[in-house]
Amino acid sequence: MIDAWLLERLVCPVSRRPLVYDEAAQELVSDAAGVAYPIRDGVPVLLIEQARVLIATG
């Protein structure tokens, strides 16, 4: 679980847009940038090198 206060303040380092917490995957998702950042041991890893690219469906 990520702290709500922290989540309100975090933004994607690429898009500068808010992140969405995916509890099941333990990731912070940036729809604007199309990536998901991992949360390791309760710490968000907001490095683009560590982000997982999201596959767009449509």
PDB file of N, CA and C in Angstrom:
ATOM      1  N   MET A   1       0.845  -1.189   0.000  1.00  0.00           N
ATOM      2  CA  MET A   1       0.000   0.000   0.000  1.00  0.00           C
ATOM      3  C   MET A   1       0.888   1.249   0.000  1.00  0.00           C
ATOM      4  N   ILE A   2       0.530   2.181  -0.811  1.00  0.00           N
ATOM      5  CA  ILE A   2       1.280   3.438  -0.876  1.00  0.00           C
ATOM      6  C   ILE A   2       0.491   4.517  -0.135  1.00  0.00           C
ATOM      7  N   ASP A   3       1.198   5.364   0.543  1.00  0.00           N
ATOM      8  CA  ASP A   3       0.586   6.425   1.327  1.00  0.00           C
ATOM      9  C   ASP A   3      -0.178   7.397   0.421  1.00  0.00           C
ATOM     10  N   ALA A   4      -1.422   7.696   0.761  1.00  0.00           N
ATOM     11  CA  ALA A   4      -2.270   8.588  -0.048  1.00  0.00           C
ATOM     12  C   ALA A   4      -1.654   9.981  -0.169  1.00  0.00           C
ATOM     13  N   TRP A   5      -1.063  10.488   0.901  1.00  0.00           N
ATOM     14  CA  TRP A   5      -0.432  11.820   0.878  1.00  0.00           C
ATOM     15  C   TRP A   5       0.683  11.849  -0.172  1.00  0.00           C
ATOM     16  N   LEU A   6       1.497  10.793  -0.200  1.00  0.00           N
ATOM     17  CA  LEU A   6       2.590  10.712  -1.157  1.00  0.00           C
ATOM     18  C   LEU A   6       2.054  10.583  -2.582  1.00  0.00           C
ATOM     19  N   LEU A   7       1.063   9.740  -2.781  1.00  0.00           N
ATOM     20  CA  LEU A   7       0.498   9.533  -4.108  1.00  0.00           C
ATOM     21  C   LEU A   7      -0.059  10.822  -4.700  1.00  0.00           C
ATOM     22  N   GLU A   8      -0.647  11.663  -3.868  1.00  0.00           N
ATOM     23  CA  GLU A   8      -1.184  12.940  -4.338  1.00  0.00           C
ATOM     24  C   GLU A   8      -0.088  13.872  -4.862  1.00  0.00           C
ATOM     25  N   ARG A   9       1.133  13.678  -4.431  1.00  0.00           N
ATOM     26  CA  ARG A   9       2.220  14.580  -4.775  1.00  0.00           C
ATOM     27  C   ARG A   9       3.145  14.057  -5.874  1.00  0.00           C
ATOM     28  N   LEU A  10       3.098  12.753  -6.108  1.00  0.00           N
ATOM     29  CA  LEU A  10       3.964  12.166  -7.125  1.00  0.00           C
ATOM     30  C   LEU A  10       3.426  12.432  -8.528  1.00  0.00           C
ATOM     31  N   VAL A  11       4.336  12.698  -9.442  1.00  0.00           N
ATOM     32  CA  VAL A  11       3.980  12.847 -10.855  1.00  0.00           C
ATOM     33  C   VAL A  11       4.968  12.033 -11.687  1.00  0.00           C
ATOM     34  N   CYS A  12       4.563  11.705 -12.883  1.00  0.00           N
ATOM     35  CA  CYS A  12       5.433  10.991 -13.816  1.00  0.00           C
ATOM     36  C   CYS A  12       6.598  11.907 -14.194  1.00  0.00           C
ATOM     37  N   PRO A  13       7.830  11.422 -14.115  1.00  0.00           N
ATOM     38  CA  PRO A  13       8.970  12.264 -14.483  1.00  0.00           C
ATOM     39  C   PRO A  13       9.030  12.569 -15.982  1.00  0.00           C
ATOM     40  N   VAL A  14       8.331  11.805 -16.809  1.00  0.00           N
ATOM     41  CA  VAL A  14       8.323  12.034 -18.248  1.00  0.00           C
ATOM     42  C   VAL A  14       7.234  13.027 -18.639  1.00  0.00           C
ATOM     43  N   SER A  15       5.997  12.753 -18.217  1.00  0.00           N
ATOM     44  CA  SER A  15       4.857  13.567 -18.644  1.00  0.00           C
ATOM     45  C   SER A  15       4.490  14.683 -17.667  1.00  0.00           C
ATOM     46  N   ARG A  16       4.974  14.580 -16.436  1.00  0.00           N
ATOM     47  CA  ARG A  16       4.634  15.529 -15.367  1.00  0.00           C
ATOM     48  C   ARG A  16       3.137  15.500 -15.020  1.00  0.00           C
ATOM     49  N   ARG A  17       2.505  14.366 -15.300  1.00  0.00           N
ATOM     50  CA  ARG A  17       1.084  14.171 -15.013  1.00  0.00           C
ATOM     51  C   ARG A  17       0.957  13.254 -13.796  1.00  0.00           C
ATOM     52  N   PRO A  18      -0.195  13.281 -13.106  1.00  0.00           N
ATOM     53  CA  PRO A  18      -0.400  12.404 -11.944  1.00  0.00           C
ATOM     54  C   PRO A  18      -0.289  10.925 -12.306  1.00  0.00           C
ATOM     55  N   LEU A  19       0.056  10.146 -11.308  1.00  0.00           N
ATOM     56  CA  LEU A  19       0.185   8.704 -11.458  1.00  0.00           C
ATOM     57  C   LEU A  19      -1.003   8.009 -10.808  1.00  0.00           C
ATOM     58  N   VAL A  20      -1.324   6.824 -11.309  1.00  0.00           N
ATOM     59  CA  VAL A  20      -2.417   6.015 -10.758  1.00  0.00           C
ATOM     60  C   VAL A  20      -1.802   4.782 -10.120  1.00  0.00           C
ATOM     61  N   TYR A  21      -2.212   4.497  -8.893  1.00  0.00           N
ATOM     62  CA  TYR A  21      -1.680   3.356  -8.156  1.00  0.00           C
ATOM     63  C   TYR A  21      -2.418   2.087  -8.549  1.00  0.00           C
ATOM     64  N   ASP A  22      -1.677   1.095  -9.032  1.00  0.00           N
ATOM     65  CA  ASP A  22      -2.219  -0.225  -9.341  1.00  0.00           C
ATOM     66  C   ASP A  22      -1.764  -1.153  -8.223  1.00  0.00           C
ATOM     67  N   GLU A  23      -2.661  -1.382  -7.267  1.00  0.00           N
ATOM     68  CA  GLU A  23      -2.304  -2.164  -6.082  1.00  0.00           C
ATOM     69  C   GLU A  23      -1.953  -3.607  -6.432  1.00  0.00           C
ATOM     70  N   ALA A  24      -2.708  -4.214  -7.337  1.00  0.00           N
ATOM     71  CA  ALA A  24      -2.481  -5.617  -7.702  1.00  0.00           C
ATOM     72  C   ALA A  24      -1.091  -5.822  -8.306  1.00  0.00           C
ATOM     73  N   ALA A  25      -0.674  -4.907  -9.168  1.00  0.00           N
ATOM     74  CA  ALA A  25       0.627  -5.022  -9.828  1.00  0.00           C
ATOM     75  C   ALA A  25       1.752  -4.364  -9.052  1.00  0.00           C
ATOM     76  N   GLN A  26       1.407  -3.609  -7.994  1.00  0.00           N
ATOM     77  CA  GLN A  26       2.393  -2.837  -7.230  1.00  0.00           C
ATOM     78  C   GLN A  26       3.194  -1.929  -8.161  1.00  0.00           C
ATOM     79  N   GLU A  27       2.436  -1.105  -8.914  1.00  0.00           N
ATOM     80  CA  GLU A  27       3.026  -0.170  -9.857  1.00  0.00           C
ATOM     81  C   GLU A  27       2.297   1.166  -9.795  1.00  0.00           C
ATOM     82  N   LEU A  28       2.989   2.200 -10.240  1.00  0.00           N
ATOM     83  CA  LEU A  28       2.389   3.510 -10.457  1.00  0.00           C
ATOM     84  C   LEU A  28       2.310   3.706 -11.959  1.00  0.00           C
ATOM     85  N   VAL A  29       1.106   3.876 -12.457  1.00  0.00           N
ATOM     86  CA  VAL A  29       0.861   3.913 -13.892  1.00  0.00           C
ATOM     87  C   VAL A  29       0.734   5.345 -14.382  1.00  0.00           C
ATOM     88  N   SER A  30       1.411   5.625 -15.482  1.00  0.00           N
ATOM     89  CA  SER A  30       1.289   6.902 -16.170  1.00  0.00           C
ATOM     90  C   SER A  30       0.651   6.627 -17.528  1.00  0.00           C
ATOM     91  N   ASP A  31      -0.646   6.873 -17.623  1.00  0.00           N
ATOM     92  CA  ASP A  31      -1.339   6.684 -18.899  1.00  0.00           C
ATOM     93  C   ASP A  31      -0.805   7.664 -19.940  1.00  0.00           C
ATOM     94  N   ALA A  32      -0.455   8.863 -19.516  1.00  0.00           N
ATOM     95  CA  ALA A  32       0.037   9.887 -20.436  1.00  0.00           C
ATOM     96  C   ALA A  32       1.345   9.470 -21.106  1.00  0.00           C
ATOM     97  N   ALA A  33       2.226   8.823 -20.356  1.00  0.00           N
ATOM     98  CA  ALA A  33       3.524   8.401 -20.898  1.00  0.00           C
ATOM     99  C   ALA A  33       3.498   6.960 -21.395  1.00  0.00           C
ATOM    100  N   GLY A  34       2.463   6.210 -21.012  1.00  0.00           N
ATOM    101  CA  GLY A  34       2.360   4.822 -21.442  1.00  0.00           C
ATOM    102  C   GLY A  34       3.330   3.886 -20.760  1.00  0.00           C
ATOM    103  N   VAL A  35       3.621   4.186 -19.482  1.00  0.00           N
ATOM    104  CA  VAL A  35       4.546   3.350 -18.711  1.00  0.00           C
ATOM    105  C   VAL A  35       4.010   3.109 -17.313  1.00  0.00           C
ATOM    106  N   ALA A  36       4.570   2.094 -16.662  1.00  0.00           N
ATOM    107  CA  ALA A  36       4.249   1.788 -15.273  1.00  0.00           C
ATOM    108  C   ALA A  36       5.553   1.669 -14.492  1.00  0.00           C
ATOM    109  N   TYR A  37       5.634   2.392 -13.394  1.00  0.00           N
ATOM    110  CA  TYR A  37       6.826   2.403 -12.557  1.00  0.00           C
ATOM    111  C   TYR A  37       6.641   1.412 -11.404  1.00  0.00           C
ATOM    112  N   PRO A  38       7.655   0.614 -11.110  1.00  0.00           N
ATOM    113  CA  PRO A  38       7.521  -0.371 -10.030  1.00  0.00           C
ATOM    114  C   PRO A  38       7.579   0.271  -8.646  1.00  0.00           C
ATOM    115  N   ILE A  39       6.993  -0.428  -7.698  1.00  0.00           N
ATOM    116  CA  ILE A  39       7.127  -0.070  -6.285  1.00  0.00           C
ATOM    117  C   ILE A  39       7.868  -1.236  -5.643  1.00  0.00           C
ATOM    118  N   ARG A  40       9.046  -0.968  -5.124  1.00  0.00           N
ATOM    119  CA  ARG A  40       9.874  -2.012  -4.526  1.00  0.00           C
ATOM    120  C   ARG A  40      10.068  -1.740  -3.043  1.00  0.00           C
ATOM    121  N   ASP A  41       9.666  -2.701  -2.240  1.00  0.00           N
ATOM    122  CA  ASP A  41       9.761  -2.583  -0.775  1.00  0.00           C
ATOM    123  C   ASP A  41       9.095  -1.306  -0.285  1.00  0.00           C
ATOM    124  N   GLY A  42       7.971  -0.940  -0.929  1.00  0.00           N
ATOM    125  CA  GLY A  42       7.209   0.232  -0.525  1.00  0.00           C
ATOM    126  C   GLY A  42       7.729   1.549  -1.074  1.00  0.00           C
ATOM    127  N   VAL A  43       8.773   1.503  -1.895  1.00  0.00           N
ATOM    128  CA  VAL A  43       9.387   2.714  -2.429  1.00  0.00           C
ATOM    129  C   VAL A  43       9.137   2.806  -3.939  1.00  0.00           C
ATOM    130  N   PRO A  44       8.483   3.879  -4.406  1.00  0.00           N
ATOM    131  CA  PRO A  44       8.291   4.043  -5.844  1.00  0.00           C
ATOM    132  C   PRO A  44       9.628   4.286  -6.545  1.00  0.00           C
ATOM    133  N   VAL A  45       9.852   3.559  -7.635  1.00  0.00           N
ATOM    134  CA  VAL A  45      11.074   3.710  -8.429  1.00  0.00           C
ATOM    135  C   VAL A  45      10.683   4.475  -9.694  1.00  0.00           C
ATOM    136  N   LEU A  46      10.866   5.792  -9.672  1.00  0.00           N
ATOM    137  CA  LEU A  46      10.426   6.649 -10.766  1.00  0.00           C
ATOM    138  C   LEU A  46      11.556   6.942 -11.744  1.00  0.00           C
ATOM    139  N   LEU A  47      12.197   5.891 -12.190  1.00  0.00           N
ATOM    140  CA  LEU A  47      13.252   5.988 -13.193  1.00  0.00           C
ATOM    141  C   LEU A  47      12.718   5.397 -14.490  1.00  0.00           C
ATOM    142  N   ILE A  48      12.811   6.153 -15.576  1.00  0.00           N
ATOM    143  CA  ILE A  48      12.279   5.676 -16.852  1.00  0.00           C
ATOM    144  C   ILE A  48      12.966   4.375 -17.271  1.00  0.00           C
ATOM    145  N   GLU A  49      14.218   4.192 -16.882  1.00  0.00           N
ATOM    146  CA  GLU A  49      14.940   2.959 -17.209  1.00  0.00           C
ATOM    147  C   GLU A  49      14.329   1.740 -16.529  1.00  0.00           C
ATOM    148  N   GLN A  50      13.640   1.949 -15.420  1.00  0.00           N
ATOM    149  CA  GLN A  50      13.025   0.855 -14.668  1.00  0.00           C
ATOM    150  C   GLN A  50      11.542   0.672 -14.993  1.00  0.00           C
ATOM    151  N   ALA A  51      10.979   1.569 -15.785  1.00  0.00           N
ATOM    152  CA  ALA A  51       9.547   1.538 -16.101  1.00  0.00           C
ATOM    153  C   ALA A  51       9.236   0.434 -17.102  1.00  0.00           C
ATOM    154  N   ARG A  52       8.011  -0.085 -16.982  1.00  0.00           N
ATOM    155  CA  ARG A  52       7.514  -1.093 -17.910  1.00  0.00           C
ATOM    156  C   ARG A  52       6.638  -0.366 -18.925  1.00  0.00           C
ATOM    157  N   VAL A  53       6.894  -0.628 -20.202  1.00  0.00           N
ATOM    158  CA  VAL A  53       6.101   0.001 -21.269  1.00  0.00           C
ATOM    159  C   VAL A  53       4.754  -0.695 -21.342  1.00  0.00           C
ATOM    160  N   LEU A  54       3.687   0.108 -21.360  1.00  0.00           N
ATOM    161  CA  LEU A  54       2.335  -0.420 -21.459  1.00  0.00           C
ATOM    162  C   LEU A  54       1.979  -0.634 -22.925  1.00  0.00           C
ATOM    163  N   ILE A  55       1.339  -1.725 -23.197  1.00  0.00           N
ATOM    164  CA  ILE A  55       0.891  -2.035 -24.550  1.00  0.00           C
ATOM    165  C   ILE A  55      -0.481  -1.411 -24.749  1.00  0.00           C
ATOM    166  N   ALA A  56      -0.613  -0.569 -25.754  1.00  0.00           N
ATOM    167  CA  ALA A  56      -1.897   0.074 -26.056  1.00  0.00           C
ATOM    168  C   ALA A  56      -2.783  -0.908 -26.800  1.00  0.00           C
ATOM    169  N   THR A  57      -4.041  -0.979 -26.387  1.00  0.00           N
ATOM    170  CA  THR A  57      -5.020  -1.798 -27.103  1.00  0.00           C
ATOM    171  C   THR A  57      -6.066  -0.894 -27.701  1.00  0.00           C
ATOM    172  N   GLY A  58      -6.574  -1.269 -28.801  1.00  0.00           N
ATOM    173  CA  GLY A  58      -7.568  -0.385 -29.357  1.00  0.00           C
ATOM    174  C   GLY A  58      -8.089  -0.915 -30.598  1.00  0.00           C
TER     175      GLY A  58
END
